[in-house]
Structure formats: structure tokens, C-alpha cells
Amino acid sequence: MGLNIVVCVKNVPSTLTVDVGPDGQPKTAGLVCAMNAFDEYAVEEAVRIKERVPGSTVTALTLGPEADQAVLRDALSRGCDAAAHVCGPEFAGSDVFATSKALAAAIRKLSAQKPVHLALFGKNSNDGNSGAVGGMVAAWLDWPGVLSVKKVESVDESSAVLWRMMEDGVDVVKVSLPAAVGTVKEINEPRIPSLKGKMAAKKAVIPKWTASDLGLKPEEVGLAGSKTKVARCTHPPARGAGTRVEGASSAEKAAKLVDILVERKLI
């Protein structure tokens, strides 16, 4: 029968240099956007699992405005079979709580059509950078959630053996499916979309789902359904110039460095 895999992707600014407006909010209008870098690894792993397990399919899923359909077509060009777009003005201002709730509802909708075995996520996004969405989706769905996965050793329709990166090494865990899995960049090397894939992605019909389509009320999504709000953004403070330690020899430089550290009470 194969696996039914969902991979969540996000359209983000392709630069980390984003201006902040007088209102204290990021000025994103007109910025060039692309697939979140960490999501590329999740897409690649989803496609690799599909290639390993005959009969498997991969659906790309995103939440965002109309323009974010581009990230789904990118995922399709990389080997995903289908895509779905959670889209509507009611989703504007979603934090990780509201975003994860909407994505979980979308995965339930997909699972009602054909049971989903795996939901894959990138480590984090380069804009919000919370790294929490994958784990929160797992909680909403009441699925096992495994983050920081660097290797999918084996997977079938009932379970998966995963290598999870830890501070002191690697855990090898076996989880029952369905499950949500967060990947890290050590897991693979993303492929470059093929010309054939790009042409097919352009023609693909991508359904758009509103909150109503997902069985959610307007007050459950977007800013109204969020538990946090960004009050104000600022650029990080400029870093001061470093201290250059001079000396005739390495020993003299080391001694001067120790004196500086002691003076500043750093050692």
C-alpha cells in the first residue's frame, strides 16, 4: 500500500537582512521569498522515503497568503506528488500556536481522504525561528513527535526507526506511526529540481482550504487564535570592535590575554 507522507513547508524571505518599520514590525513587502532552507531537507527526506517504499505518496502543505503557493510548486518540482494550501485572511497574524493548530487540522483533512503515516517538518524557519511547530502539530494530533532527526534508518506502514541528535550523542528510537518528525540538515543533501519537475509543478492544481474548510472557527486561527503577539522588532545592537592582543611571542600574547580576562573578571 505504501506510505502517505505530508511535508510542511514555509515561504520565507530569502535574505536575513530585513528592515524594521516605524511601527516596530518587519518590512516584508517586496522581498524575494523562497522555501525555508531547513524545509528543503524535510522535502528531500520525504521524497527519499517515497522512493524507498513502493506505493508511497508525498503531499506538500503550507499556510500563508496567495503568494505562498510558489513554495508548494517548488516542493512539487522536487518530487512531491500533490500539495494543499491553507489560505485566507483569517490566518493573518498566526503565531506558532495558531499555525500548528491549522496545520494539524489540514493533516486531519488529508488523513480523512487517505490515512497519513508521517508528517515531516524542517528544524525551524529562518524568520520565526521557533522550532516548535512540528512538536506542537504532534501534540494537536496526539501523535508521537520526534525532533532533530538526522537519519530515518527504516520505515514501514506501522513504525519507523529514527536517529535523533542529542547534546551528548545520538538516540536511536523506534516510534509507531502515524508520527510527526522534525529533520535537521545532517539528514541528507537536497536535490536540485529537474526541468521536468518544474514543468509539471506549473500545471498542478493546488486546492486552497479556509478555516471553515478545516472545521475551524475564525477565533481559533490568525491573530485571534494566537497566544503570543510580537509587540516590536528591533535590529540587534551593533557589535563593538574587538580587542587586539599584541606581543613579540605567543607566550607574551597569551600572558596579556590572561591579564585582560582577569581584569574583566571573565576568569
Protein backbone atom coordinates (compact mmCIF):
# COMPACT_ATOMS: atom_id res chain seq x y z
CA MET A 1 0.00 0.00 0.00
CA GLY A 2 2.88 2.38 0.72
CA LEU A 3 3.11 5.40 2.99
CA ASN A 4 1.09 8.60 2.84
CA ILE A 5 3.52 11.38 3.79
CA VAL A 6 2.84 15.06 4.43
CA VAL A 7 5.70 17.56 4.44
CA CYS A 8 5.09 21.06 5.78
CA VAL A 9 6.93 23.91 4.08
CA LYS A 10 7.08 27.66 4.55
CA ASN A 11 7.68 30.58 2.20
CA VAL A 12 10.16 32.97 3.84
CA PRO A 13 12.30 35.97 2.80
CA SER A 14 15.40 34.72 1.01
CA THR A 15 17.51 37.23 2.94
CA LEU A 16 18.17 37.70 6.64
CA THR A 17 18.58 41.45 6.12
CA VAL A 18 15.06 42.75 6.75
CA ASP A 19 14.31 46.38 7.64
CA VAL A 20 12.08 47.30 10.56
CA GLY A 21 9.40 49.95 10.03
CA PRO A 22 8.47 52.84 12.35
CA ASP A 23 5.72 50.65 13.79
CA GLY A 24 8.32 48.16 15.01
CA GLN A 25 7.25 45.46 12.54
CA PRO A 26 9.39 43.84 9.81
CA LYS A 27 9.08 45.43 6.36
CA THR A 28 8.48 42.33 4.22
CA ALA A 29 6.66 43.93 1.29
CA GLY A 30 8.57 43.45 -1.94
CA LEU A 31 11.09 40.99 -0.50
CA VAL A 32 12.03 37.99 -2.64
CA CYS A 33 10.86 34.81 -0.92
CA ALA A 34 11.77 31.15 -1.28
CA MET A 35 11.36 27.83 0.50
CA ASN A 36 12.69 27.92 4.04
CA ALA A 37 16.17 26.37 3.87
CA PHE A 38 15.56 23.75 6.57
CA ASP A 39 12.34 22.67 4.83
CA GLU A 40 14.36 21.63 1.78
CA TYR A 41 15.83 18.79 3.85
CA ALA A 42 12.36 17.70 5.02
CA VAL A 43 11.09 17.65 1.42
CA GLU A 44 14.13 15.71 0.25
CA GLU A 45 13.71 13.12 3.02
CA ALA A 46 10.01 12.73 2.25
CA VAL A 47 10.82 12.07 -1.41
CA ARG A 48 13.61 9.64 -0.50
CA ILE A 49 11.24 7.66 1.73
CA LYS A 50 8.75 7.58 -1.14
CA GLU A 51 11.46 6.17 -3.39
CA ARG A 52 12.38 3.54 -0.78
CA VAL A 53 8.83 2.39 -0.02
CA PRO A 54 6.86 1.43 -3.16
CA GLY A 55 3.39 2.90 -3.47
CA SER A 56 4.13 5.89 -1.24
CA THR A 57 2.96 9.45 -1.93
CA VAL A 58 4.06 12.86 -0.64
CA THR A 59 1.82 15.90 -0.18
CA ALA A 60 3.34 19.33 0.47
CA LEU A 61 1.40 21.57 2.84
CA THR A 62 1.76 25.25 3.69
CA LEU A 63 -0.12 28.02 5.47
CA GLY A 64 0.12 31.54 4.14
CA PRO A 65 -1.18 34.16 1.70
CA GLU A 66 -1.84 33.68 -2.00
CA ALA A 67 1.79 34.31 -2.97
CA ASP A 68 2.94 31.37 -0.85
CA GLN A 69 1.61 28.97 -3.47
CA ALA A 70 5.06 29.35 -5.04
CA VAL A 71 6.66 27.32 -2.24
CA LEU A 72 4.24 24.45 -2.92
CA ARG A 73 5.13 24.43 -6.61
CA ASP A 74 8.80 24.35 -5.60
CA ALA A 75 8.08 21.29 -3.44
CA LEU A 76 6.23 19.65 -6.34
CA SER A 77 9.19 20.27 -8.63
CA ARG A 78 11.42 18.46 -6.11
CA GLY A 79 9.35 15.27 -6.22
CA CYS A 80 6.21 15.78 -4.13
CA ASP A 81 3.07 14.30 -5.72
CA ALA A 82 0.43 16.77 -4.53
CA ALA A 83 0.02 19.94 -2.48
CA ALA A 84 -2.53 21.76 -0.34
CA HIS A 85 -2.64 25.44 0.63
CA VAL A 86 -4.17 26.66 3.89
CA CYS A 87 -5.03 30.17 2.82
CA GLY A 88 -7.32 33.03 3.83
CA PRO A 89 -7.29 36.44 5.51
CA GLU A 90 -8.42 34.85 8.76
CA PHE A 91 -4.97 33.24 9.15
CA ALA A 92 -3.08 36.56 9.16
CA GLY A 93 -1.01 37.11 12.29
CA SER A 94 -0.87 33.44 13.31
CA ASP A 95 1.75 32.57 15.92
CA VAL A 96 3.12 29.04 16.36
CA PHE A 97 0.09 28.02 18.44
CA ALA A 98 -2.46 29.07 15.80
CA THR A 99 -0.26 27.91 12.91
CA SER A 100 0.24 24.44 14.36
CA LYS A 101 -3.48 24.10 15.08
CA ALA A 102 -4.38 24.95 11.48
CA LEU A 103 -1.72 22.63 10.03
CA ALA A 104 -2.92 19.80 12.29
CA ALA A 105 -6.48 20.36 11.06
CA ALA A 106 -5.24 20.23 7.46
CA ILE A 107 -3.40 16.97 8.14
CA ARG A 108 -6.61 15.54 9.65
CA LYS A 109 -8.44 16.54 6.47
CA LEU A 110 -5.82 14.81 4.32
CA SER A 111 -5.92 11.77 6.60
CA ALA A 112 -9.69 11.53 6.21
CA GLN A 113 -9.11 11.04 2.48
CA LYS A 114 -6.22 8.59 2.98
CA PRO A 115 -4.59 7.88 6.38
CA VAL A 116 -1.38 9.87 6.85
CA HIS A 117 1.58 7.90 8.21
CA LEU A 118 4.23 10.60 8.54
CA ALA A 119 4.30 14.39 8.81
CA LEU A 120 7.74 15.87 8.21
CA PHE A 121 9.00 19.32 9.24
CA GLY A 122 12.20 21.31 8.89
CA LYS A 123 14.21 22.14 12.01
CA ASN A 124 12.92 25.71 12.14
CA SER A 125 12.18 28.67 9.88
CA ASN A 126 14.64 31.48 9.29
CA ASP A 127 12.05 34.15 10.14
CA GLY A 128 10.15 33.00 13.26
CA ASN A 129 12.93 30.59 14.27
CA SER A 130 10.83 28.94 17.00
CA GLY A 131 11.48 25.34 16.01
CA ALA A 132 8.23 24.45 17.78
CA VAL A 133 5.66 23.89 15.03
CA GLY A 134 6.47 20.22 14.36
CA GLY A 135 6.22 19.26 18.03
CA MET A 136 3.02 21.25 18.50
CA VAL A 137 1.38 19.62 15.47
CA ALA A 138 2.24 16.25 17.01
CA ALA A 139 0.53 17.36 20.23
CA TRP A 140 -2.62 18.55 18.43
CA LEU A 141 -2.85 15.23 16.58
CA ASP A 142 -1.91 13.17 19.66
CA TRP A 143 0.89 11.54 17.64
CA PRO A 144 4.42 10.66 18.70
CA GLY A 145 6.73 13.57 17.89
CA VAL A 146 10.47 13.18 17.30
CA LEU A 147 12.59 16.26 16.59
CA SER A 148 16.22 16.77 15.49
CA VAL A 149 16.17 13.60 13.38
CA LYS A 150 19.37 13.09 11.37
CA LYS A 151 18.54 9.67 9.87
CA VAL A 152 15.50 7.57 9.03
CA GLU A 153 17.04 4.14 9.39
CA SER A 154 13.93 2.19 8.45
CA VAL A 155 10.23 2.84 7.99
CA ASP A 156 7.15 0.85 7.11
CA GLU A 157 3.41 1.36 7.47
CA SER A 158 3.43 0.72 11.22
CA SER A 159 6.70 2.09 12.62
CA ALA A 160 9.94 3.95 11.97
CA VAL A 161 13.45 3.73 13.42
CA LEU A 162 14.96 7.22 13.76
CA TRP A 163 18.31 8.66 14.76
CA ARG A 164 17.73 11.71 16.96
CA MET A 165 20.55 14.16 17.63
CA MET A 166 21.16 14.93 21.31
CA GLU A 167 23.67 17.16 23.10
CA ASP A 168 25.66 14.11 24.21
CA GLY A 169 25.32 11.96 21.08
CA VAL A 170 22.56 10.22 19.16
CA ASP A 171 19.46 8.38 20.35
CA VAL A 172 18.06 5.59 18.20
CA VAL A 173 14.31 5.45 18.77
CA LYS A 174 11.51 3.36 17.33
CA VAL A 175 8.12 5.05 17.07
CA SER A 176 4.75 3.76 15.98
CA LEU A 177 3.07 5.53 13.09
CA PRO A 178 1.45 7.93 12.49
CA ALA A 179 4.09 10.30 13.81
CA ALA A 180 5.46 13.80 13.29
CA VAL A 181 9.18 14.08 12.58
CA GLY A 182 11.40 17.16 12.60
CA THR A 183 14.53 16.86 10.45
CA VAL A 184 17.94 18.57 10.63
CA LYS A 185 20.28 19.44 7.77
CA GLU A 186 22.57 16.50 8.54
CA ILE A 187 19.89 14.11 7.26
CA ASN A 188 20.58 14.48 3.52
CA GLU A 189 21.62 16.72 0.65
CA PRO A 190 18.57 18.25 -1.13
CA ARG A 191 18.33 17.64 -4.85
CA ILE A 192 18.02 20.35 -7.47
CA PRO A 193 14.54 20.47 -9.08
CA SER A 194 14.51 18.95 -12.56
CA LEU A 195 13.17 20.75 -15.63
CA LYS A 196 10.51 18.04 -15.96
CA GLY A 197 9.55 18.57 -12.33
CA LYS A 198 9.29 22.33 -12.77
CA MET A 199 7.06 21.96 -15.84
CA ALA A 200 4.76 19.52 -14.02
CA ALA A 201 4.62 21.79 -10.97
CA LYS A 202 3.44 24.74 -13.09
CA LYS A 203 0.43 22.73 -14.29
CA ALA A 204 -0.52 21.28 -10.91
CA VAL A 205 -3.91 22.17 -9.43
CA ILE A 206 -3.48 23.09 -5.77
CA PRO A 207 -6.57 23.16 -3.52
CA LYS A 208 -6.98 26.09 -1.12
CA TRP A 209 -8.52 25.49 2.29
CA THR A 210 -10.02 28.17 4.51
CA ALA A 211 -10.60 27.86 8.25
CA SER A 212 -14.17 26.79 7.50
CA ASP A 213 -12.92 24.03 5.19
CA LEU A 214 -10.81 22.73 8.09
CA GLY A 215 -13.63 22.86 10.61
CA LEU A 216 -12.06 25.75 12.50
CA LYS A 217 -13.75 28.89 13.76
CA PRO A 218 -12.34 32.34 12.88
CA GLU A 219 -11.49 32.95 16.54
CA GLU A 220 -9.32 29.81 16.58
CA VAL A 221 -6.90 30.98 13.90
CA GLY A 222 -4.85 34.01 12.95
CA LEU A 223 -4.22 36.78 15.44
CA ALA A 224 -7.45 35.99 17.29
CA GLY A 225 -6.37 32.40 17.93
CA SER A 226 -2.77 33.22 18.83
CA LYS A 227 -1.38 33.09 22.34
CA THR A 228 1.51 35.45 21.64
CA LYS A 229 1.98 38.71 19.77
CA VAL A 230 5.14 40.41 18.55
CA ALA A 231 4.98 43.84 20.15
CA ARG A 232 8.04 45.28 18.46
CA CYS A 233 11.07 44.21 16.45
CA THR A 234 14.50 45.84 16.51
CA HIS A 235 17.80 45.25 14.81
CA PRO A 236 20.42 43.61 17.01
CA PRO A 237 22.76 46.18 18.60
CA ALA A 238 25.94 46.87 16.68
CA ARG A 239 28.92 44.89 17.94
CA GLY A 240 31.87 46.87 19.19
CA ALA A 241 35.35 46.46 17.81
CA GLY A 242 37.35 43.56 19.17
CA THR A 243 40.48 43.85 21.28
CA ARG A 244 43.74 43.07 19.53
CA VAL A 245 46.41 41.48 21.72
CA GLU A 246 49.94 42.36 20.61
CA GLY A 247 53.16 40.69 21.67
CA ALA A 248 56.57 39.60 20.49
CA SER A 249 55.79 35.91 21.03
CA SER A 250 52.86 33.57 21.51
CA ALA A 251 53.71 33.27 25.20
CA GLU A 252 53.66 37.05 25.65
CA LYS A 253 50.33 37.33 23.82
CA ALA A 254 48.85 34.55 25.96
CA ALA A 255 50.01 36.26 29.16
CA LYS A 256 48.49 39.58 28.07
CA LEU A 257 45.24 37.84 27.15
CA VAL A 258 45.05 36.24 30.59
CA ASP A 259 45.63 39.64 32.22
CA ILE A 260 42.77 41.15 30.17
CA LEU A 261 40.40 38.31 31.09
CA VAL A 262 41.28 38.61 34.78
CA GLU A 263 40.83 42.39 34.66
CA ARG A 264 37.38 41.97 33.11
CA LYS A 265 36.56 39.22 35.64
CA LEU A 266 35.94 36.71 32.87
CA ILE A 267 38.12 34.06 34.51
